[in-house]
Amino acid sequence: FLIYGLVAVKRHHKVGFPGRLVVKYGVSTIVASTVVYFVSSILLSYTMTVYEFVPRVILSVGIGAGVYLGMTYAIDKSTRELLDSIAKELKIK
């Protein structure tokens, strides 16, 4: 029944899957996660007090977010347009 449903839907509707875009974002996510893993293993030590630990966690997350946004900015046009419009909006005010 499931196979029949898939064939019937495909016959009547064009169903597309953005595979290339998913692969691009997947690679960006893997690279950013790897960077966060190695940076956090260098920066974080669990024997610190919470006042020393939290800023390092925030720094580690910021580095990961920066790497991810930088990579998606480089590979995706819509992300580039979004970040450019945000920057333009912040410059106006």
C-alpha atoms as a PDB file:
ATOM      1  CA  PHE A   1       0.000   0.000   0.000  1.00  0.00           C
ATOM      2  CA  LEU A   2       2.844   2.400   0.817  1.00  0.00           C
ATOM      3  CA  ILE A   3       4.579   1.764  -2.486  1.00  0.00           C
ATOM      4  CA  TYR A   4       1.322   2.252  -4.382  1.00  0.00           C
ATOM      5  CA  GLY A   5       0.762   5.546  -2.545  1.00  0.00           C
ATOM      6  CA  LEU A   6       4.258   6.788  -3.379  1.00  0.00           C
ATOM      7  CA  VAL A   7       3.841   5.889  -7.057  1.00  0.00           C
ATOM      8  CA  ALA A   8       0.416   7.557  -7.194  1.00  0.00           C
ATOM      9  CA  VAL A   9       1.667  10.754  -5.586  1.00  0.00           C
ATOM     10  CA  LYS A  10       4.722  10.845  -7.825  1.00  0.00           C
ATOM     11  CA  ARG A  11       2.536  10.354 -10.881  1.00  0.00           C
ATOM     12  CA  HIS A  12       0.252  13.288 -10.045  1.00  0.00           C
ATOM     13  CA  HIS A  13       2.637  15.692  -8.323  1.00  0.00           C
ATOM     14  CA  LYS A  14       6.188  16.673  -8.932  1.00  0.00           C
ATOM     15  CA  VAL A  15       7.959  16.020  -5.659  1.00  0.00           C
ATOM     16  CA  GLY A  16      11.504  17.315  -5.493  1.00  0.00           C
ATOM     17  CA  PHE A  17      14.164  16.846  -2.883  1.00  0.00           C
ATOM     18  CA  PRO A  18      16.991  19.402  -2.655  1.00  0.00           C
ATOM     19  CA  GLY A  19      19.711  16.783  -2.264  1.00  0.00           C
ATOM     20  CA  ARG A  20      22.599  19.038  -3.225  1.00  0.00           C
ATOM     21  CA  LEU A  21      21.568  21.684  -0.703  1.00  0.00           C
ATOM     22  CA  VAL A  22      21.145  19.072   2.032  1.00  0.00           C
ATOM     23  CA  VAL A  23      24.647  17.747   1.340  1.00  0.00           C
ATOM     24  CA  LYS A  24      26.098  21.284   1.482  1.00  0.00           C
ATOM     25  CA  TYR A  25      24.487  22.013   4.829  1.00  0.00           C
ATOM     26  CA  GLY A  26      25.389  18.554   6.106  1.00  0.00           C
ATOM     27  CA  VAL A  27      29.063  19.068   5.293  1.00  0.00           C
ATOM     28  CA  SER A  28      28.976  22.512   6.930  1.00  0.00           C
ATOM     29  CA  THR A  29      27.419  21.030  10.048  1.00  0.00           C
ATOM     30  CA  ILE A  30      29.994  18.235  10.257  1.00  0.00           C
ATOM     31  CA  VAL A  31      32.899  20.670   9.843  1.00  0.00           C
ATOM     32  CA  ALA A  32      31.498  23.114  12.420  1.00  0.00           C
ATOM     33  CA  SER A  33      30.832  20.279  14.869  1.00  0.00           C
ATOM     34  CA  THR A  34      34.372  18.981  14.427  1.00  0.00           C
ATOM     35  CA  VAL A  35      35.787  22.452  15.058  1.00  0.00           C
ATOM     36  CA  VAL A  36      33.661  22.827  18.205  1.00  0.00           C
ATOM     37  CA  TYR A  37      34.775  19.400  19.408  1.00  0.00           C
ATOM     38  CA  PHE A  38      38.474  20.183  19.068  1.00  0.00           C
ATOM     39  CA  VAL A  39      38.176  23.756  20.381  1.00  0.00           C
ATOM     40  CA  SER A  40      36.175  22.623  23.387  1.00  0.00           C
ATOM     41  CA  SER A  41      38.649  19.862  24.150  1.00  0.00           C
ATOM     42  CA  ILE A  42      41.387  22.511  24.248  1.00  0.00           C
ATOM     43  CA  LEU A  43      39.467  25.260  26.076  1.00  0.00           C
ATOM     44  CA  LEU A  44      37.282  23.371  28.508  1.00  0.00           C
ATOM     45  CA  SER A  45      38.486  21.833  31.708  1.00  0.00           C
ATOM     46  CA  TYR A  46      35.840  20.464  34.016  1.00  0.00           C
ATOM     47  CA  THR A  47      37.795  21.140  37.203  1.00  0.00           C
ATOM     48  CA  MET A  48      37.199  24.904  36.948  1.00  0.00           C
ATOM     49  CA  THR A  49      34.632  26.930  38.783  1.00  0.00           C
ATOM     50  CA  VAL A  50      31.412  27.777  37.012  1.00  0.00           C
ATOM     51  CA  TYR A  51      32.585  31.390  36.575  1.00  0.00           C
ATOM     52  CA  GLU A  52      35.562  30.201  34.519  1.00  0.00           C
ATOM     53  CA  PHE A  53      33.669  27.433  32.724  1.00  0.00           C
ATOM     54  CA  VAL A  54      30.650  29.338  31.328  1.00  0.00           C
ATOM     55  CA  PRO A  55      32.621  32.003  29.424  1.00  0.00           C
ATOM     56  CA  ARG A  56      34.709  29.286  27.796  1.00  0.00           C
ATOM     57  CA  VAL A  57      31.565  27.387  26.779  1.00  0.00           C
ATOM     58  CA  ILE A  58      30.140  30.575  25.287  1.00  0.00           C
ATOM     59  CA  LEU A  59      33.416  31.160  23.422  1.00  0.00           C
ATOM     60  CA  SER A  60      33.395  27.599  22.116  1.00  0.00           C
ATOM     61  CA  VAL A  61      29.791  27.888  20.896  1.00  0.00           C
ATOM     62  CA  GLY A  62      30.548  31.272  19.338  1.00  0.00           C
ATOM     63  CA  ILE A  63      33.485  29.844  17.418  1.00  0.00           C
ATOM     64  CA  GLY A  64      31.316  26.980  16.159  1.00  0.00           C
ATOM     65  CA  ALA A  65      28.522  29.329  15.138  1.00  0.00           C
ATOM     66  CA  GLY A  66      31.009  31.587  13.381  1.00  0.00           C
ATOM     67  CA  VAL A  67      32.485  28.669  11.442  1.00  0.00           C
ATOM     68  CA  TYR A  68      29.022  27.409  10.468  1.00  0.00           C
ATOM     69  CA  LEU A  69      27.763  30.833   9.393  1.00  0.00           C
ATOM     70  CA  GLY A  70      30.980  31.490   7.494  1.00  0.00           C
ATOM     71  CA  MET A  71      30.734  28.224   5.616  1.00  0.00           C
ATOM     72  CA  THR A  72      27.061  28.628   4.779  1.00  0.00           C
ATOM     73  CA  TYR A  73      27.755  32.220   3.738  1.00  0.00           C
ATOM     74  CA  ALA A  74      30.352  30.919   1.312  1.00  0.00           C
ATOM     75  CA  ILE A  75      28.245  28.107  -0.181  1.00  0.00           C
ATOM     76  CA  ASP A  76      24.629  29.306  -0.118  1.00  0.00           C
ATOM     77  CA  LYS A  77      23.162  32.295  -1.914  1.00  0.00           C
ATOM     78  CA  SER A  78      20.073  32.632   0.311  1.00  0.00           C
ATOM     79  CA  THR A  79      22.215  32.685   3.475  1.00  0.00           C
ATOM     80  CA  ARG A  80      24.431  35.306   1.875  1.00  0.00           C
ATOM     81  CA  GLU A  81      21.388  37.458   1.053  1.00  0.00           C
ATOM     82  CA  LEU A  82      20.014  37.013   4.593  1.00  0.00           C
ATOM     83  CA  LEU A  83      23.263  37.972   6.324  1.00  0.00           C
ATOM     84  CA  ASP A  84      23.821  40.879   3.924  1.00  0.00           C
ATOM     85  CA  SER A  85      20.326  42.226   4.597  1.00  0.00           C
ATOM     86  CA  ILE A  86      20.848  41.873   8.365  1.00  0.00           C
ATOM     87  CA  ALA A  87      24.166  43.738   8.104  1.00  0.00           C
ATOM     88  CA  LYS A  88      22.579  46.439   5.973  1.00  0.00           C
ATOM     89  CA  GLU A  89      19.728  46.839   8.451  1.00  0.00           C
ATOM     90  CA  LEU A  90      22.148  47.153  11.371  1.00  0.00           C
ATOM     91  CA  LYS A  91      24.227  49.749   9.528  1.00  0.00           C
ATOM     92  CA  ILE A  92      21.165  51.952   8.930  1.00  0.00           C
ATOM     93  CA  LYS A  93      20.396  52.338  12.638  1.00  0.00           C
END
